[in-house]
Protein backbone atom coordinates (compact mmCIF):
# COMPACT_ATOMS: atom_id res chain seq x y z
CA ALA A 1 -19.69 329.60 180.43
CA ASP A 2 -20.61 327.39 183.31
CA LEU A 3 -23.64 325.12 183.84
CA ALA A 4 -25.45 327.81 185.71
CA THR A 5 -25.18 330.11 182.75
CA TYR A 6 -26.57 327.49 180.44
CA ARG A 7 -29.50 326.88 182.75
CA ALA A 8 -30.09 330.69 182.95
CA LEU A 9 -30.10 330.96 179.30
CA GLU A 10 -32.69 328.08 179.01
CA ASP A 11 -34.88 329.92 181.60
CA ARG A 12 -34.52 333.25 179.84
CA ILE A 13 -35.47 331.71 176.48
CA ALA A 14 -38.46 329.75 177.85
CA ALA A 15 -39.82 332.91 179.64
CA SER A 16 -39.69 334.75 176.39
CA GLU A 17 -41.43 331.95 174.38
CA PRO A 18 -44.31 330.73 176.61
CA GLY A 19 -45.77 328.44 173.98
CA TRP A 20 -42.59 326.60 173.49
CA ASN A 21 -40.85 323.87 175.32
CA ILE A 22 -37.32 324.94 175.39
CA VAL A 23 -34.70 322.47 176.45
CA LEU A 24 -30.89 323.28 176.27
CA VAL A 25 -28.38 320.30 176.37
CA PRO A 26 -25.28 321.68 177.86
CA PRO A 27 -21.64 320.30 177.47
CA PRO A 28 -20.71 318.07 180.36
CA LEU A 29 -18.88 320.82 182.18
CA PRO A 30 -17.61 320.31 185.82
CA LEU A 31 -20.51 320.26 188.32
CA PRO A 32 -20.90 323.28 190.58
CA PRO A 33 -19.15 323.20 194.09
CA ILE A 34 -21.63 322.35 197.00
CA GLU A 35 -19.41 322.81 199.98
CA ASP A 36 -20.88 326.14 201.02
CA PRO A 37 -24.23 325.70 202.63
CA GLN A 38 -25.25 329.29 201.52
CA SER A 39 -25.09 328.28 197.82
CA ARG A 40 -25.72 324.53 197.97
CA ASP A 41 -29.37 324.53 197.14
CA GLU A 42 -28.87 326.48 193.80
CA ALA A 43 -25.72 324.38 193.09
CA VAL A 44 -27.60 321.14 193.55
CA GLY A 45 -30.50 322.45 191.47
CA THR A 46 -28.08 323.24 188.64
CA ALA A 47 -26.49 319.64 188.94
CA ILE A 48 -29.95 318.12 188.67
CA TRP A 49 -30.80 320.25 185.69
CA ALA A 50 -27.59 319.26 183.89
CA ALA A 51 -27.89 315.57 184.78
CA GLN A 52 -31.42 315.45 183.60
CA ARG A 53 -30.56 317.12 180.17
CA LEU A 54 -27.30 315.00 179.71
CA ASN A 55 -28.70 311.74 181.06
CA LEU A 56 -25.61 311.25 183.18
CA SER A 57 -25.11 309.87 186.67
CA ILE A 58 -23.42 311.76 189.48
CA VAL A 59 -20.91 310.65 192.09
CA LEU A 60 -21.53 312.33 195.46
CA ASN A 61 -18.39 312.57 197.66
CA GLY A 62 -18.56 313.17 201.24
CA SER A 63 -20.54 311.84 204.31
CA GLY A 64 -22.72 312.95 206.98
CA SER A 65 -26.18 314.64 206.99
CA ASP A 66 -25.29 317.15 204.36
CA ALA A 67 -24.32 314.31 201.93
CA ASP A 68 -27.49 312.46 202.94
CA ALA A 69 -29.72 315.41 202.11
CA VAL A 70 -27.90 316.05 198.88
CA GLU A 71 -28.31 312.25 197.83
CA GLN A 72 -32.03 312.41 198.72
CA ARG A 73 -32.61 315.49 196.55
CA LEU A 74 -30.74 313.98 193.52
CA SER A 75 -32.48 310.71 193.90
CA ALA A 76 -35.89 312.42 194.29
CA ALA A 77 -35.34 314.30 190.99
CA GLY A 78 -34.61 311.01 189.16
CA VAL A 79 -31.00 311.50 188.94
CA ALA A 80 -28.68 308.28 189.24
CA VAL A 81 -26.39 309.02 192.10
CA GLN A 82 -23.37 306.97 193.30
CA PRO A 83 -22.39 307.79 196.95
CA SER A 84 -18.73 307.99 197.85
CA SER A 85 -17.82 308.71 201.49
CA THR A 86 -14.27 309.89 200.49
CA GLY A 87 -13.18 313.47 200.42
CA PRO A 88 -15.03 316.55 200.98
CA LEU A 89 -18.72 317.23 200.02
CA SER A 90 -18.61 317.58 196.21
CA LEU A 91 -20.28 316.37 192.90
CA GLN A 92 -18.78 314.97 189.79
CA TRP A 93 -19.91 313.25 186.67
CA GLN A 94 -19.76 309.43 186.87
CA ALA A 95 -17.67 308.16 184.05
CA PRO A 96 -19.81 306.14 181.63
CA ILE A 97 -19.14 302.35 181.64
CA LYS A 98 -17.84 301.28 178.25
CA ALA A 99 -19.48 298.12 176.74
CA PRO A 100 -17.07 295.29 176.07
CA SER A 101 -15.94 294.94 172.61
């Protein structure tokens, strides 16, 4: 299953149990591709959903107005985003920083 499947499952359970607050915490699977403008809105929404549940930061690769719009949407949703102007437009999890031992 991918992150969109876990998000849909949470939505389906929440719709069937209106008195409950359902929150699924998915595994940190790869974030959905965002290169295609036709599916970008849904993909970014899924990335936001996963980042909020996992409390993880996202690296945003790419540059230009599309990258700026994605960065603004992630930030507006409270997701910590690290812009990177390298490579094509894409999202990936930011590796957690280990505390010194």
